[in-house]
PDB file of N, CA and C in Angstrom:
ATOM      1  N   UNK A   1      -6.545  11.160  -0.332  1.00  0.00           N
ATOM      2  CA  UNK A   1      -5.794  10.806   0.849  1.00  0.00           C
ATOM      3  C   UNK A   1      -5.191  12.057   1.481  1.00  0.00           C
ATOM      4  N   UNK A   2      -5.203  13.149   0.784  1.00  0.00           N
ATOM      5  CA  UNK A   2      -4.742  14.383   1.402  1.00  0.00           C
ATOM      6  C   UNK A   2      -3.330  14.778   1.016  1.00  0.00           C
ATOM      7  N   UNK A   3      -2.990  15.975   1.400  1.00  0.00           N
ATOM      8  CA  UNK A   3      -1.682  16.543   1.080  1.00  0.00           C
ATOM      9  C   UNK A   3      -0.652  16.104   2.101  1.00  0.00           C
ATOM     10  N   UNK A   4       0.604  16.189   1.706  1.00  0.00           N
ATOM     11  CA  UNK A   4       1.719  15.908   2.602  1.00  0.00           C
ATOM     12  C   UNK A   4       2.786  16.965   2.357  1.00  0.00           C
ATOM     13  N   UNK A   5       3.890  16.869   3.064  1.00  0.00           N
ATOM     14  CA  UNK A   5       4.975  17.827   2.841  1.00  0.00           C
ATOM     15  C   UNK A   5       5.605  17.656   1.469  1.00  0.00           C
ATOM     16  N   UNK A   6       5.524  16.447   0.918  1.00  0.00           N
ATOM     17  CA  UNK A   6       6.185  16.163  -0.356  1.00  0.00           C
ATOM     18  C   UNK A   6       5.250  16.263  -1.552  1.00  0.00           C
ATOM     19  N   UNK A   7       3.938  16.271  -1.319  1.00  0.00           N
ATOM     20  CA  UNK A   7       3.002  16.261  -2.447  1.00  0.00           C
ATOM     21  C   UNK A   7       1.738  17.035  -2.089  1.00  0.00           C
ATOM     22  N   UNK A   8       1.106  17.611  -3.119  1.00  0.00           N
ATOM     23  CA  UNK A   8      -0.152  18.330  -2.911  1.00  0.00           C
ATOM     24  C   UNK A   8      -1.319  17.382  -2.694  1.00  0.00           C
ATOM     25  N   UNK A   9      -1.168  16.144  -3.102  1.00  0.00           N
ATOM     26  CA  UNK A   9      -2.226  15.155  -2.926  1.00  0.00           C
ATOM     27  C   UNK A   9      -1.743  13.791  -3.352  1.00  0.00           C
ATOM     28  N   UNK A  10      -2.577  12.802  -3.170  1.00  0.00           N
ATOM     29  CA  UNK A  10      -2.228  11.431  -3.512  1.00  0.00           C
ATOM     30  C   UNK A  10      -3.378  10.791  -4.275  1.00  0.00           C
ATOM     31  N   UNK A  11      -3.076   9.757  -5.022  1.00  0.00           N
ATOM     32  CA  UNK A  11      -4.092   9.000  -5.739  1.00  0.00           C
ATOM     33  C   UNK A  11      -3.718   7.527  -5.675  1.00  0.00           C
ATOM     34  N   UNK A  12      -4.716   6.675  -5.569  1.00  0.00           N
ATOM     35  CA  UNK A  12      -4.487   5.239  -5.609  1.00  0.00           C
ATOM     36  C   UNK A  12      -4.896   4.729  -6.977  1.00  0.00           C
ATOM     37  N   UNK A  13      -4.047   3.913  -7.589  1.00  0.00           N
ATOM     38  CA  UNK A  13      -4.315   3.376  -8.915  1.00  0.00           C
ATOM     39  C   UNK A  13      -3.686   1.993  -9.026  1.00  0.00           C
ATOM     40  N   UNK A  14      -4.063   1.270 -10.038  1.00  0.00           N
ATOM     41  CA  UNK A  14      -3.460  -0.041 -10.261  1.00  0.00           C
ATOM     42  C   UNK A  14      -2.016   0.135 -10.722  1.00  0.00           C
ATOM     43  N   UNK A  15      -1.236  -0.936 -10.599  1.00  0.00           N
ATOM     44  CA  UNK A  15       0.145  -0.869 -11.070  1.00  0.00           C
ATOM     45  C   UNK A  15       0.215  -0.619 -12.569  1.00  0.00           C
ATOM     46  N   UNK A  16      -0.719  -1.182 -13.312  1.00  0.00           N
ATOM     47  CA  UNK A  16      -0.741  -0.995 -14.770  1.00  0.00           C
ATOM     48  C   UNK A  16      -0.973   0.463 -15.136  1.00  0.00           C
ATOM     49  N   UNK A  17      -1.968   1.090 -14.509  1.00  0.00           N
ATOM     50  CA  UNK A  17      -2.235   2.493 -14.806  1.00  0.00           C
ATOM     51  C   UNK A  17      -1.110   3.395 -14.325  1.00  0.00           C
ATOM     52  N   UNK A  18      -0.509   3.059 -13.190  1.00  0.00           N
ATOM     53  CA  UNK A  18       0.624   3.850 -12.704  1.00  0.00           C
ATOM     54  C   UNK A  18       1.754   3.850 -13.724  1.00  0.00           C
ATOM     55  N   UNK A  19       2.061   2.665 -14.266  1.00  0.00           N
ATOM     56  CA  UNK A  19       3.140   2.575 -15.253  1.00  0.00           C
ATOM     57  C   UNK A  19       2.780   3.274 -16.561  1.00  0.00           C
ATOM     58  N   UNK A  20       1.510   3.356 -16.879  1.00  0.00           N
ATOM     59  CA  UNK A  20       1.095   4.144 -18.056  1.00  0.00           C
ATOM     60  C   UNK A  20       1.343   5.627 -17.811  1.00  0.00           C
ATOM     61  N   UNK A  21       1.073   6.079 -16.586  1.00  0.00           N
ATOM     62  CA  UNK A  21       1.266   7.491 -16.252  1.00  0.00           C
ATOM     63  C   UNK A  21       2.745   7.841 -16.096  1.00  0.00           C
ATOM     64  N   UNK A  22       3.534   6.891 -15.582  1.00  0.00           N
ATOM     65  CA  UNK A  22       4.953   7.120 -15.317  1.00  0.00           C
ATOM     66  C   UNK A  22       5.779   6.007 -15.960  1.00  0.00           C
ATOM     67  N   UNK A  23       5.930   6.041 -17.274  1.00  0.00           N
ATOM     68  CA  UNK A  23       6.604   4.946 -17.981  1.00  0.00           C
ATOM     69  C   UNK A  23       8.086   4.797 -17.634  1.00  0.00           C
ATOM     70  N   UNK A  24       8.698   5.814 -17.047  1.00  0.00           N
ATOM     71  CA  UNK A  24      10.113   5.725 -16.703  1.00  0.00           C
ATOM     72  C   UNK A  24      10.362   5.019 -15.368  1.00  0.00           C
ATOM     73  N   UNK A  25       9.310   4.757 -14.598  1.00  0.00           N
ATOM     74  CA  UNK A  25       9.473   4.058 -13.319  1.00  0.00           C
ATOM     75  C   UNK A  25       9.709   2.571 -13.556  1.00  0.00           C
ATOM     76  N   UNK A  26      10.512   1.941 -12.725  1.00  0.00           N
ATOM     77  CA  UNK A  26      10.780   0.508 -12.845  1.00  0.00           C
ATOM     78  C   UNK A  26       9.585  -0.282 -12.336  1.00  0.00           C
ATOM     79  N   UNK A  27       9.224  -1.304 -13.075  1.00  0.00           N
ATOM     80  CA  UNK A  27       8.042  -2.102 -12.760  1.00  0.00           C
ATOM     81  C   UNK A  27       8.119  -2.762 -11.384  1.00  0.00           C
ATOM     82  N   UNK A  28       9.281  -3.184 -10.956  1.00  0.00           N
ATOM     83  CA  UNK A  28       9.413  -3.929  -9.717  1.00  0.00           C
ATOM     84  C   UNK A  28       9.456  -3.096  -8.454  1.00  0.00           C
ATOM     85  N   UNK A  29       9.487  -1.779  -8.571  1.00  0.00           N
ATOM     86  CA  UNK A  29       9.568  -0.919  -7.397  1.00  0.00           C
ATOM     87  C   UNK A  29       8.173  -0.499  -6.958  1.00  0.00           C
ATOM     88  N   UNK A  30       7.732  -1.029  -5.843  1.00  0.00           N
ATOM     89  CA  UNK A  30       6.389  -0.749  -5.339  1.00  0.00           C
ATOM     90  C   UNK A  30       6.515   0.097  -4.081  1.00  0.00           C
ATOM     91  N   UNK A  31       5.764   1.203  -4.025  1.00  0.00           N
ATOM     92  CA  UNK A  31       5.771   2.063  -2.852  1.00  0.00           C
ATOM     93  C   UNK A  31       4.666   1.661  -1.872  1.00  0.00           C
ATOM     94  N   UNK A  32       3.480   1.397  -2.403  1.00  0.00           N
ATOM     95  CA  UNK A  32       2.324   1.060  -1.570  1.00  0.00           C
ATOM     96  C   UNK A  32       1.504  -0.001  -2.281  1.00  0.00           C
ATOM     97  N   UNK A  33       1.074  -0.987  -1.555  1.00  0.00           N
ATOM     98  CA  UNK A  33       0.180  -2.013  -2.088  1.00  0.00           C
ATOM     99  C   UNK A  33      -1.059  -2.091  -1.217  1.00  0.00           C
ATOM    100  N   UNK A  34      -2.192  -2.444  -1.798  1.00  0.00           N
ATOM    101  CA  UNK A  34      -3.454  -2.545  -1.074  1.00  0.00           C
ATOM    102  C   UNK A  34      -4.000  -3.951  -1.226  1.00  0.00           C
ATOM    103  N   UNK A  35      -4.438  -4.522  -0.116  1.00  0.00           N
ATOM    104  CA  UNK A  35      -5.047  -5.851  -0.117  1.00  0.00           C
ATOM    105  C   UNK A  35      -6.448  -5.725   0.459  1.00  0.00           C
ATOM    106  N   UNK A  36      -7.440  -6.193  -0.277  1.00  0.00           N
ATOM    107  CA  UNK A  36      -8.815  -6.209   0.211  1.00  0.00           C
ATOM    108  C   UNK A  36      -9.101  -7.564   0.841  1.00  0.00           C
ATOM    109  N   UNK A  37      -9.560  -7.546   2.090  1.00  0.00           N
ATOM    110  CA  UNK A  37      -9.915  -8.778   2.783  1.00  0.00           C
ATOM    111  C   UNK A  37     -11.422  -9.026   2.655  1.00  0.00           C
ATOM    112  N   UNK A  38     -11.805 -10.274   2.763  1.00  0.00           N
ATOM    113  CA  UNK A  38     -13.220 -10.620   2.748  1.00  0.00           C
ATOM    114  C   UNK A  38     -13.894 -10.039   3.983  1.00  0.00           C
ATOM    115  N   UNK A  39     -15.195  -9.685   3.870  1.00  0.00           N
ATOM    116  CA  UNK A  39     -15.920  -9.190   5.045  1.00  0.00           C
ATOM    117  C   UNK A  39     -15.826 -10.192   6.197  1.00  0.00           C
ATOM    118  N   UNK A  40     -15.572  -9.670   7.379  1.00  0.00           N
ATOM    119  CA  UNK A  40     -15.469 -10.512   8.562  1.00  0.00           C
ATOM    120  C   UNK A  40     -14.095 -11.110   8.801  1.00  0.00           C
ATOM    121  N   UNK A  41     -13.152 -10.875   7.888  1.00  0.00           N
ATOM    122  CA  UNK A  41     -11.802 -11.420   8.051  1.00  0.00           C
ATOM    123  C   UNK A  41     -11.122 -10.776   9.260  1.00  0.00           C
ATOM    124  N   UNK A  42     -10.246 -11.498   9.904  1.00  0.00           N
ATOM    125  CA  UNK A  42      -9.497 -11.012  11.055  1.00  0.00           C
ATOM    126  C   UNK A  42      -8.304 -10.203  10.549  1.00  0.00           C
ATOM    127  N   UNK A  43      -8.395  -8.905  10.673  1.00  0.00           N
ATOM    128  CA  UNK A  43      -7.363  -8.014  10.136  1.00  0.00           C
ATOM    129  C   UNK A  43      -6.025  -8.243  10.825  1.00  0.00           C
ATOM    130  N   UNK A  44      -6.038  -8.378  12.139  1.00  0.00           N
ATOM    131  CA  UNK A  44      -4.782  -8.560  12.869  1.00  0.00           C
ATOM    132  C   UNK A  44      -4.115  -9.883  12.500  1.00  0.00           C
ATOM    133  N   UNK A  45      -4.904 -10.924  12.284  1.00  0.00           N
ATOM    134  CA  UNK A  45      -4.347 -12.214  11.868  1.00  0.00           C
ATOM    135  C   UNK A  45      -3.731 -12.104  10.473  1.00  0.00           C
ATOM    136  N   UNK A  46      -4.435 -11.405   9.579  1.00  0.00           N
ATOM    137  CA  UNK A  46      -3.915 -11.210   8.218  1.00  0.00           C
ATOM    138  C   UNK A  46      -2.604 -10.430   8.259  1.00  0.00           C
ATOM    139  N   UNK A  47      -2.544  -9.377   9.067  1.00  0.00           N
ATOM    140  CA  UNK A  47      -1.314  -8.597   9.202  1.00  0.00           C
ATOM    141  C   UNK A  47      -0.164  -9.463   9.713  1.00  0.00           C
ATOM    142  N   UNK A  48      -0.425 -10.270  10.727  1.00  0.00           N
ATOM    143  CA  UNK A  48       0.608 -11.123  11.305  1.00  0.00           C
ATOM    144  C   UNK A  48       1.108 -12.152  10.294  1.00  0.00           C
ATOM    145  N   UNK A  49       0.190 -12.733   9.537  1.00  0.00           N
ATOM    146  CA  UNK A  49       0.577 -13.720   8.526  1.00  0.00           C
ATOM    147  C   UNK A  49       1.440 -13.081   7.445  1.00  0.00           C
ATOM    148  N   UNK A  50       1.022 -11.915   6.964  1.00  0.00           N
ATOM    149  CA  UNK A  50       1.794 -11.217   5.934  1.00  0.00           C
ATOM    150  C   UNK A  50       3.174 -10.820   6.459  1.00  0.00           C
ATOM    151  N   UNK A  51       3.229 -10.298   7.684  1.00  0.00           N
ATOM    152  CA  UNK A  51       4.504  -9.858   8.248  1.00  0.00           C
ATOM    153  C   UNK A  51       5.473 -11.020   8.393  1.00  0.00           C
ATOM    154  N   UNK A  52       4.951 -12.199   8.705  1.00  0.00           N
ATOM    155  CA  UNK A  52       5.806 -13.381   8.852  1.00  0.00           C
ATOM    156  C   UNK A  52       6.383 -13.847   7.517  1.00  0.00           C
ATOM    157  N   UNK A  53       5.685 -13.559   6.422  1.00  0.00           N
ATOM    158  CA  UNK A  53       6.100 -14.044   5.111  1.00  0.00           C
ATOM    159  C   UNK A  53       6.875 -13.020   4.286  1.00  0.00           C
ATOM    160  N   UNK A  54       6.745 -11.749   4.636  1.00  0.00           N
ATOM    161  CA  UNK A  54       7.383 -10.689   3.850  1.00  0.00           C
ATOM    162  C   UNK A  54       8.695 -10.248   4.492  1.00  0.00           C
ATOM    163  N   UNK A  55       9.566  -9.602   3.701  1.00  0.00           N
ATOM    164  CA  UNK A  55      10.826  -9.104   4.261  1.00  0.00           C
ATOM    165  C   UNK A  55      10.577  -8.122   5.411  1.00  0.00           C
ATOM    166  N   UNK A  56      11.545  -7.995   6.287  1.00  0.00           N
ATOM    167  CA  UNK A  56      11.403  -7.143   7.476  1.00  0.00           C
ATOM    168  C   UNK A  56      11.282  -5.653   7.145  1.00  0.00           C
ATOM    169  N   UNK A  57      11.696  -5.239   5.935  1.00  0.00           N
ATOM    170  CA  UNK A  57      11.585  -3.826   5.583  1.00  0.00           C
ATOM    171  C   UNK A  57      10.209  -3.450   5.046  1.00  0.00           C
ATOM    172  N   UNK A  58       9.284  -4.417   4.984  1.00  0.00           N
ATOM    173  CA  UNK A  58       7.912  -4.158   4.541  1.00  0.00           C
ATOM    174  C   UNK A  58       7.054  -3.848   5.759  1.00  0.00           C
ATOM    175  N   UNK A  59       6.395  -2.698   5.734  1.00  0.00           N
ATOM    176  CA  UNK A  59       5.505  -2.307   6.823  1.00  0.00           C
ATOM    177  C   UNK A  59       4.069  -2.592   6.413  1.00  0.00           C
ATOM    178  N   UNK A  60       3.271  -3.084   7.349  1.00  0.00           N
ATOM    179  CA  UNK A  60       1.882  -3.434   7.076  1.00  0.00           C
ATOM    180  C   UNK A  60       0.988  -2.627   8.007  1.00  0.00           C
ATOM    181  N   UNK A  61       0.009  -1.944   7.424  1.00  0.00           N
ATOM    182  CA  UNK A  61      -0.912  -1.105   8.181  1.00  0.00           C
ATOM    183  C   UNK A  61      -2.343  -1.437   7.799  1.00  0.00           C
ATOM    184  N   UNK A  62      -3.265  -1.307   8.753  1.00  0.00           N
ATOM    185  CA  UNK A  62      -4.673  -1.348   8.370  1.00  0.00           C
ATOM    186  C   UNK A  62      -5.044   0.046   7.871  1.00  0.00           C
ATOM    187  N   UNK A  63      -6.249   0.216   7.405  1.00  0.00           N
ATOM    188  CA  UNK A  63      -6.648   1.485   6.789  1.00  0.00           C
ATOM    189  C   UNK A  63      -6.485   2.657   7.757  1.00  0.00           C
ATOM    190  N   UNK A  64      -6.930   2.491   8.983  1.00  0.00           N
ATOM    191  CA  UNK A  64      -6.851   3.574   9.954  1.00  0.00           C
ATOM    192  C   UNK A  64      -5.398   3.931  10.276  1.00  0.00           C
ATOM    193  N   UNK A  65      -4.547   2.937  10.410  1.00  0.00           N
ATOM    194  CA  UNK A  65      -3.131   3.184  10.677  1.00  0.00           C
ATOM    195  C   UNK A  65      -2.480   3.922   9.510  1.00  0.00           C
ATOM    196  N   UNK A  66      -2.829   3.546   8.290  1.00  0.00           N
ATOM    197  CA  UNK A  66      -2.251   4.179   7.107  1.00  0.00           C
ATOM    198  C   UNK A  66      -2.671   5.638   7.009  1.00  0.00           C
ATOM    199  N   UNK A  67      -3.917   5.918   7.320  1.00  0.00           N
ATOM    200  CA  UNK A  67      -4.412   7.298   7.265  1.00  0.00           C
ATOM    201  C   UNK A  67      -3.662   8.185   8.238  1.00  0.00           C
ATOM    202  N   UNK A  68      -3.289   7.639   9.387  1.00  0.00           N
ATOM    203  CA  UNK A  68      -2.603   8.419  10.415  1.00  0.00           C
ATOM    204  C   UNK A  68      -1.130   8.672  10.126  1.00  0.00           C
ATOM    205  N   UNK A  69      -0.578   8.027   9.105  1.00  0.00           N
ATOM    206  CA  UNK A  69       0.846   8.214   8.803  1.00  0.00           C
ATOM    207  C   UNK A  69       1.174   9.635   8.476  1.00  0.00           C
TER     208      UNK A  69
END
């Protein structure tokens, strides 16, 4: 995913593997989550549905939006 000002690089992993790598982190604290949609799914509809159900402090991005962060 590339470097940022705070890190030399990033990696995506499951929550289980993350907790194995960083056992001192609290299980309930999630920084980033990934949802895979079925082929042909309406991404904007999925985003709207998730945003309506999740707390207002949760941001939802599609892949292209996330890359541009």
